[in-house]
Protein backbone atom coordinates (compact mmCIF):
# COMPACT_ATOMS: atom_id res chain seq x y z
CA UNK A 1 -53.10 78.10 86.88
CA UNK A 2 -49.48 77.52 87.75
CA UNK A 3 -46.74 75.19 86.59
CA UNK A 4 -43.60 75.73 88.65
CA UNK A 5 -40.41 73.97 87.60
CA UNK A 6 -37.48 73.33 89.91
CA UNK A 7 -34.33 71.25 90.07
CA UNK A 8 -32.25 72.86 87.35
CA UNK A 9 -28.65 73.88 87.80
CA UNK A 10 -25.07 73.35 86.75
CA UNK A 11 -23.87 69.76 86.38
CA UNK A 12 -20.79 68.13 84.89
CA UNK A 13 -21.01 65.94 81.80
CA UNK A 14 -22.11 62.45 82.77
CA UNK A 15 -23.97 63.74 85.80
CA UNK A 16 -27.65 63.61 86.70
CA UNK A 17 -30.42 66.02 87.58
CA UNK A 18 -34.06 65.56 88.48
CA UNK A 19 -36.46 68.26 87.38
CA UNK A 20 -39.80 68.68 89.13
CA UNK A 21 -42.92 70.52 88.06
CA UNK A 22 -45.61 71.41 90.57
CA UNK A 23 -49.05 72.01 89.06
CA UNK A 24 -51.97 73.88 90.55
CA UNK A 25 -55.15 75.61 89.50
CA UNK A 26 -56.42 72.95 87.12
CA UNK A 27 -57.41 69.28 87.17
CA UNK A 28 -53.95 67.80 86.82
CA UNK A 29 -55.19 64.23 86.41
CA UNK A 30 -57.08 65.26 83.25
CA UNK A 31 -54.03 66.61 81.43
CA UNK A 32 -51.21 65.00 79.56
CA UNK A 33 -47.84 66.39 80.57
CA UNK A 34 -44.64 67.13 78.70
CA UNK A 35 -41.17 68.53 79.13
CA UNK A 36 -39.76 70.81 76.44
CA UNK A 37 -36.41 72.53 76.19
CA UNK A 38 -35.00 75.50 74.37
CA UNK A 39 -31.35 76.22 73.86
CA UNK A 40 -30.10 79.72 72.93
CA UNK A 41 -30.74 80.43 69.28
CA UNK A 42 -32.76 77.26 68.79
CA UNK A 43 -36.43 76.42 68.62
CA UNK A 44 -38.23 74.89 71.57
CA UNK A 45 -38.28 71.11 71.24
CA UNK A 46 -40.28 68.33 72.83
CA UNK A 47 -38.15 66.23 75.16
CA UNK A 48 -40.60 63.83 76.77
CA UNK A 49 -44.34 63.28 77.07
CA UNK A 50 -46.51 61.24 79.42
CA UNK A 51 -50.17 60.32 79.21
CA UNK A 52 -52.83 61.24 81.76
CA UNK A 53 -52.60 57.91 83.55
CA UNK A 54 -48.84 57.74 83.24
CA UNK A 55 -49.04 54.45 81.38
CA UNK A 56 -47.42 55.62 78.18
CA UNK A 57 -44.39 57.79 77.55
CA UNK A 58 -42.37 58.93 74.58
CA UNK A 59 -39.05 60.68 74.16
CA UNK A 60 -37.01 62.65 71.70
CA UNK A 61 -34.41 60.44 70.05
CA UNK A 62 -31.66 62.59 71.53
CA UNK A 63 -32.65 61.73 75.13
CA UNK A 64 -34.19 58.25 74.84
CA UNK A 65 -32.50 55.86 77.24
CA UNK A 66 -31.07 58.70 79.35
CA UNK A 67 -34.15 60.65 80.48
CA UNK A 68 -37.26 59.35 82.23
CA UNK A 69 -40.53 61.24 82.62
CA UNK A 70 -42.93 60.32 85.41
CA UNK A 71 -45.91 61.81 87.20
CA UNK A 72 -47.71 61.60 90.53
CA UNK A 73 -51.35 62.51 90.07
CA UNK A 74 -51.99 62.47 93.82
CA UNK A 75 -49.41 65.23 94.27
CA UNK A 76 -50.01 67.03 90.94
CA UNK A 77 -46.34 66.63 90.09
CA UNK A 78 -44.40 65.66 87.00
CA UNK A 79 -40.72 64.80 86.97
CA UNK A 80 -37.87 64.46 84.51
CA UNK A 81 -34.96 62.31 85.62
CA UNK A 82 -31.95 63.15 83.48
CA UNK A 83 -28.94 60.85 83.52
CA UNK A 84 -25.70 60.77 81.53
CA UNK A 85 -26.06 64.44 80.79
CA UNK A 86 -24.21 65.93 77.85
CA UNK A 87 -23.23 69.52 77.06
CA UNK A 88 -25.83 69.51 74.28
CA UNK A 89 -28.53 69.01 76.92
CA UNK A 90 -27.88 72.56 78.09
CA UNK A 91 -31.13 74.49 77.73
CA UNK A 92 -34.06 76.06 79.51
CA UNK A 93 -36.46 73.27 80.39
CA UNK A 94 -40.20 73.90 80.43
CA UNK A 95 -43.09 71.94 81.87
CA UNK A 96 -46.22 71.81 79.71
CA UNK A 97 -49.76 70.60 80.38
CA UNK A 98 -52.18 69.78 77.55
CA UNK A 99 -55.82 68.83 77.64
CA UNK A 100 -57.21 66.14 75.30
CA UNK A 101 -56.87 67.26 71.67
CA UNK A 102 -54.61 70.10 72.93
CA UNK A 103 -57.61 72.38 73.34
CA UNK A 104 -55.98 73.94 76.42
CA UNK A 105 -52.23 74.26 76.98
CA UNK A 106 -50.37 75.63 79.99
CA UNK A 107 -46.66 76.42 80.30
CA UNK A 108 -44.30 76.82 83.19
CA UNK A 109 -41.71 79.58 83.44
CA UNK A 110 -38.75 77.27 82.88
CA UNK A 111 -35.67 76.11 84.75
CA UNK A 112 -32.12 76.37 83.43
CA UNK A 113 -29.98 73.28 83.00
CA UNK A 114 -26.31 73.78 82.19
CA UNK A 115 -24.02 70.84 81.50
CA UNK A 116 -20.42 71.91 81.59
CA UNK A 117 -17.08 70.94 83.08
């Protein structure tokens, strides 16, 4: 099983980034997907979540209206479009896959996002 994130980097405040997560080794279309983030010295927090079919999403209050999660089940990919980035969005971003009732959970290795001028 692999979840491989990409697309992180350094961006100025107000800028945009698109994170991607490539999944393999499990039945992607049977798992809900999420993005989490963890800033230095802070706990990991849920940023966005999307259902198996991609028909329902939810976001942390801090990113709602700026971030959009999406998925492509044919390609086993999940994305996080991040707009209007703020310095407080700086964190390591992790892709997560969860089976129904969270009986099985997989994590990616993370990708760093730094928002700074």
